[in-house]
Amino acid sequence: MTKIPSVEERFVANYLDGDKIQDGQMLSSRECLDAITADRLALLTELRESGLLKEKELEGELDINRKRQFRGYNTLARNIKAHLDELIKSNSI
């Protein structure tokens, strides 16, 4: 599994390059916040659309316990996706 870099690691890797810093000046607080927010939104969106939370199909003859497991998984997947949607929506305004 790929390690998810920290906010600081992603910021240094993506935003502290030669084109962003001039005359030894750091980015402004607003630019830093905007950059980190955009990066966070990209990560949340990638997680939501990754397929990891895809609902399982109830196909064929399944025993009652297996059906409960699938329903429980699907309920959890829907709740996580809804939470990710709320996080994305709250940061994209």
N, C-alpha and C. Protein backbone atom coordinates (compact mmCIF):
# COMPACT_ATOMS: atom_id res chain seq x y z
N MET A 1 0.84 -1.18 0.00
CA MET A 1 0.00 0.00 0.00
C MET A 1 0.89 1.24 0.00
N THR A 2 0.51 2.24 -0.71
CA THR A 2 1.27 3.48 -0.82
C THR A 2 1.10 4.32 0.43
N LYS A 3 2.21 4.86 0.92
CA LYS A 3 2.15 5.75 2.08
C LYS A 3 1.56 7.08 1.64
N ILE A 4 0.61 7.57 2.41
CA ILE A 4 0.04 8.89 2.12
C ILE A 4 0.91 9.92 2.82
N PRO A 5 1.52 10.82 2.06
CA PRO A 5 2.41 11.80 2.68
C PRO A 5 1.64 12.77 3.58
N SER A 6 2.34 13.32 4.56
CA SER A 6 1.74 14.31 5.44
C SER A 6 1.50 15.60 4.65
N VAL A 7 0.71 16.48 5.26
CA VAL A 7 0.44 17.78 4.63
C VAL A 7 1.75 18.51 4.37
N GLU A 8 2.65 18.46 5.35
CA GLU A 8 3.93 19.15 5.20
C GLU A 8 4.75 18.56 4.06
N GLU A 9 4.78 17.24 3.96
CA GLU A 9 5.53 16.59 2.88
C GLU A 9 4.96 16.94 1.52
N ARG A 10 3.63 16.93 1.42
CA ARG A 10 3.00 17.27 0.14
C ARG A 10 3.24 18.73 -0.22
N PHE A 11 3.18 19.59 0.78
CA PHE A 11 3.41 21.01 0.52
C PHE A 11 4.82 21.25 0.01
N VAL A 12 5.79 20.68 0.69
CA VAL A 12 7.19 20.86 0.28
C VAL A 12 7.40 20.29 -1.12
N ALA A 13 6.86 19.11 -1.39
CA ALA A 13 7.06 18.46 -2.68
C ALA A 13 6.38 19.21 -3.82
N ASN A 14 5.20 19.79 -3.55
CA ASN A 14 4.41 20.37 -4.64
C ASN A 14 4.47 21.89 -4.76
N TYR A 15 4.80 22.58 -3.68
CA TYR A 15 4.65 24.03 -3.73
C TYR A 15 5.91 24.83 -3.41
N LEU A 16 6.92 24.20 -2.89
CA LEU A 16 8.14 24.95 -2.59
C LEU A 16 9.19 24.71 -3.68
N ASP A 17 8.82 24.99 -4.90
CA ASP A 17 9.79 24.85 -5.99
C ASP A 17 10.28 26.23 -6.42
N GLY A 18 11.22 26.26 -7.31
CA GLY A 18 11.84 27.51 -7.72
C GLY A 18 10.88 28.52 -8.33
N ASP A 19 9.82 28.05 -8.98
CA ASP A 19 8.88 28.96 -9.62
C ASP A 19 7.98 29.67 -8.61
N LYS A 20 7.80 29.06 -7.46
CA LYS A 20 6.89 29.63 -6.46
C LYS A 20 7.60 30.58 -5.50
N ILE A 21 8.90 30.43 -5.34
CA ILE A 21 9.64 31.27 -4.40
C ILE A 21 10.57 32.19 -5.19
N GLN A 22 10.47 33.48 -4.91
CA GLN A 22 11.31 34.45 -5.59
C GLN A 22 12.06 35.27 -4.55
N ASP A 23 13.29 35.52 -4.78
CA ASP A 23 14.13 36.33 -3.89
C ASP A 23 14.10 35.83 -2.44
N GLY A 24 14.02 34.53 -2.25
CA GLY A 24 14.05 33.96 -0.90
C GLY A 24 12.78 34.18 -0.11
N GLN A 25 11.73 34.69 -0.73
CA GLN A 25 10.47 34.94 -0.03
C GLN A 25 9.64 33.66 0.01
N MET A 26 9.04 33.39 1.15
CA MET A 26 8.14 32.25 1.27
C MET A 26 6.78 32.64 0.70
N LEU A 27 5.99 31.65 0.41
CA LEU A 27 4.63 31.91 -0.04
C LEU A 27 3.85 32.57 1.10
N SER A 28 2.87 33.36 0.75
CA SER A 28 2.04 33.99 1.78
C SER A 28 1.19 32.93 2.48
N SER A 29 0.69 33.29 3.63
CA SER A 29 -0.17 32.37 4.38
C SER A 29 -1.38 31.96 3.56
N ARG A 30 -1.95 32.91 2.84
CA ARG A 30 -3.14 32.62 2.02
C ARG A 30 -2.79 31.64 0.91
N GLU A 31 -1.65 31.85 0.26
CA GLU A 31 -1.22 30.94 -0.80
C GLU A 31 -0.97 29.54 -0.25
N CYS A 32 -0.37 29.47 0.93
CA CYS A 32 -0.13 28.17 1.56
C CYS A 32 -1.45 27.47 1.87
N LEU A 33 -2.37 28.21 2.47
CA LEU A 33 -3.67 27.64 2.81
C LEU A 33 -4.41 27.17 1.57
N ASP A 34 -4.42 27.98 0.53
CA ASP A 34 -5.08 27.61 -0.72
C ASP A 34 -4.46 26.36 -1.33
N ALA A 35 -3.13 26.30 -1.32
CA ALA A 35 -2.44 25.15 -1.90
C ALA A 35 -2.74 23.87 -1.13
N ILE A 36 -2.69 23.94 0.19
CA ILE A 36 -2.95 22.76 1.01
C ILE A 36 -4.41 22.34 0.90
N THR A 37 -5.32 23.30 0.85
CA THR A 37 -6.75 23.00 0.71
C THR A 37 -7.02 22.30 -0.62
N ALA A 38 -6.43 22.80 -1.68
CA ALA A 38 -6.61 22.19 -3.00
C ALA A 38 -6.06 20.76 -3.00
N ASP A 39 -4.93 20.57 -2.37
CA ASP A 39 -4.32 19.25 -2.30
C ASP A 39 -5.19 18.30 -1.49
N ARG A 40 -5.74 18.78 -0.39
CA ARG A 40 -6.62 17.96 0.46
C ARG A 40 -7.88 17.56 -0.30
N LEU A 41 -8.46 18.51 -1.03
CA LEU A 41 -9.64 18.21 -1.83
C LEU A 41 -9.34 17.15 -2.88
N ALA A 42 -8.17 17.23 -3.49
CA ALA A 42 -7.78 16.24 -4.49
C ALA A 42 -7.67 14.85 -3.86
N LEU A 43 -7.09 14.78 -2.68
CA LEU A 43 -6.96 13.49 -1.99
C LEU A 43 -8.32 12.91 -1.60
N LEU A 44 -9.21 13.75 -1.06
CA LEU A 44 -10.54 13.29 -0.68
C LEU A 44 -11.32 12.81 -1.90
N THR A 45 -11.22 13.55 -2.99
CA THR A 45 -11.91 13.17 -4.22
C THR A 45 -11.36 11.86 -4.77
N GLU A 46 -10.05 11.71 -4.73
CA GLU A 46 -9.43 10.47 -5.20
C GLU A 46 -9.90 9.28 -4.37
N LEU A 47 -9.98 9.46 -3.07
CA LEU A 47 -10.45 8.38 -2.19
C LEU A 47 -11.89 8.02 -2.51
N ARG A 48 -12.74 9.03 -2.67
CA ARG A 48 -14.16 8.79 -2.95
C ARG A 48 -14.34 8.05 -4.27
N GLU A 49 -13.53 8.38 -5.27
CA GLU A 49 -13.70 7.81 -6.60
C GLU A 49 -12.79 6.61 -6.88
N SER A 50 -12.07 6.14 -5.87
CA SER A 50 -11.08 5.08 -6.08
C SER A 50 -11.68 3.71 -6.34
N GLY A 51 -12.93 3.50 -6.00
CA GLY A 51 -13.54 2.20 -6.15
C GLY A 51 -13.45 1.35 -4.89
N LEU A 52 -12.71 1.83 -3.90
CA LEU A 52 -12.60 1.08 -2.65
C LEU A 52 -13.92 1.01 -1.90
N LEU A 53 -14.79 1.98 -2.16
CA LEU A 53 -16.07 2.03 -1.46
C LEU A 53 -17.23 1.60 -2.36
N LYS A 54 -16.92 0.81 -3.36
CA LYS A 54 -17.95 0.34 -4.27
C LYS A 54 -18.86 -0.65 -3.53
N GLU A 55 -20.16 -0.47 -3.73
CA GLU A 55 -21.11 -1.35 -3.06
C GLU A 55 -21.08 -2.74 -3.69
N LYS A 56 -21.28 -3.75 -2.85
CA LYS A 56 -21.26 -5.14 -3.31
C LYS A 56 -22.66 -5.53 -3.77
N GLU A 57 -22.70 -6.30 -4.85
CA GLU A 57 -23.96 -6.78 -5.40
C GLU A 57 -24.40 -8.04 -4.66
N LEU A 58 -25.67 -8.11 -4.36
CA LEU A 58 -26.24 -9.33 -3.75
C LEU A 58 -26.71 -10.23 -4.87
N GLU A 59 -25.84 -11.12 -5.31
CA GLU A 59 -26.15 -11.99 -6.44
C GLU A 59 -26.33 -13.44 -5.99
N GLY A 60 -27.25 -14.12 -6.63
CA GLY A 60 -27.42 -15.54 -6.39
C GLY A 60 -27.96 -15.85 -5.01
N GLU A 61 -27.84 -17.11 -4.66
CA GLU A 61 -28.31 -17.60 -3.37
C GLU A 61 -27.24 -17.35 -2.30
N LEU A 62 -27.54 -16.52 -1.36
CA LEU A 62 -26.63 -16.25 -0.25
C LEU A 62 -27.34 -16.58 1.06
N ASP A 63 -26.59 -17.09 2.00
CA ASP A 63 -27.21 -17.36 3.29
C ASP A 63 -27.47 -16.03 4.00
N ILE A 64 -28.27 -16.09 5.03
CA ILE A 64 -28.71 -14.88 5.74
C ILE A 64 -27.54 -14.09 6.32
N ASN A 65 -26.52 -14.79 6.82
CA ASN A 65 -25.37 -14.09 7.39
C ASN A 65 -24.59 -13.34 6.32
N ARG A 66 -24.42 -13.96 5.17
CA ARG A 66 -23.69 -13.30 4.08
C ARG A 66 -24.46 -12.06 3.59
N LYS A 67 -25.79 -12.19 3.51
CA LYS A 67 -26.62 -11.04 3.10
C LYS A 67 -26.46 -9.89 4.09
N ARG A 68 -26.44 -10.22 5.38
CA ARG A 68 -26.26 -9.19 6.41
C ARG A 68 -24.90 -8.52 6.27
N GLN A 69 -23.87 -9.31 6.00
CA GLN A 69 -22.53 -8.75 5.81
C GLN A 69 -22.51 -7.78 4.63
N PHE A 70 -23.11 -8.18 3.53
CA PHE A 70 -23.14 -7.32 2.33
C PHE A 70 -23.93 -6.05 2.62
N ARG A 71 -25.07 -6.19 3.27
CA ARG A 71 -25.88 -5.00 3.58
C ARG A 71 -25.13 -4.07 4.52
N GLY A 72 -24.46 -4.66 5.52
CA GLY A 72 -23.67 -3.85 6.44
C GLY A 72 -22.54 -3.13 5.73
N TYR A 73 -21.83 -3.84 4.86
CA TYR A 73 -20.74 -3.22 4.09
C TYR A 73 -21.28 -2.09 3.22
N ASN A 74 -22.40 -2.36 2.53
CA ASN A 74 -22.96 -1.34 1.65
C ASN A 74 -23.42 -0.11 2.42
N THR A 75 -24.00 -0.32 3.58
CA THR A 75 -24.42 0.81 4.42
C THR A 75 -23.20 1.62 4.84
N LEU A 76 -22.15 0.94 5.27
CA LEU A 76 -20.92 1.61 5.67
C LEU A 76 -20.31 2.37 4.49
N ALA A 77 -20.25 1.74 3.32
CA ALA A 77 -19.68 2.39 2.14
C ALA A 77 -20.47 3.65 1.79
N ARG A 78 -21.80 3.58 1.82
CA ARG A 78 -22.63 4.76 1.52
C ARG A 78 -22.39 5.87 2.54
N ASN A 79 -22.28 5.52 3.83
CA ASN A 79 -22.05 6.52 4.87
C ASN A 79 -20.68 7.18 4.72
N ILE A 80 -19.67 6.41 4.39
CA ILE A 80 -18.33 6.99 4.21
C ILE A 80 -18.33 7.91 3.00
N LYS A 81 -18.96 7.48 1.90
CA LYS A 81 -19.03 8.34 0.71
C LYS A 81 -19.77 9.64 1.01
N ALA A 82 -20.86 9.55 1.76
CA ALA A 82 -21.62 10.75 2.12
C ALA A 82 -20.76 11.69 2.97
N HIS A 83 -19.98 11.12 3.88
CA HIS A 83 -19.10 11.95 4.71
C HIS A 83 -18.01 12.60 3.85
N LEU A 84 -17.43 11.85 2.93
CA LEU A 84 -16.43 12.42 2.03
C LEU A 84 -17.05 13.54 1.19
N ASP A 85 -18.28 13.34 0.72
CA ASP A 85 -18.96 14.38 -0.05
C ASP A 85 -19.11 15.65 0.77
N GLU A 86 -19.48 15.49 2.03
CA GLU A 86 -19.64 16.67 2.91
C GLU A 86 -18.30 17.37 3.13
N LEU A 87 -17.24 16.61 3.35
CA LEU A 87 -15.92 17.22 3.53
C LEU A 87 -15.48 17.97 2.27
N ILE A 88 -15.72 17.36 1.12
CA ILE A 88 -15.35 18.01 -0.14
C ILE A 88 -16.18 19.26 -0.35
N LYS A 89 -17.48 19.16 -0.11
CA LYS A 89 -18.38 20.31 -0.30
C LYS A 89 -18.02 21.46 0.63
N SER A 90 -17.67 21.15 1.88
CA SER A 90 -17.36 22.19 2.85
C SER A 90 -16.07 22.94 2.51
N ASN A 91 -15.17 22.31 1.78
CA ASN A 91 -13.91 22.95 1.44
C ASN A 91 -13.87 23.54 0.05
N SER A 92 -14.91 23.29 -0.74
CA SER A 92 -14.87 23.79 -2.12
C SER A 92 -15.65 25.09 -2.30
N ILE A 93 -16.15 25.64 -1.21
CA ILE A 93 -16.91 26.90 -1.28
C ILE A 93 -15.96 28.07 -1.35
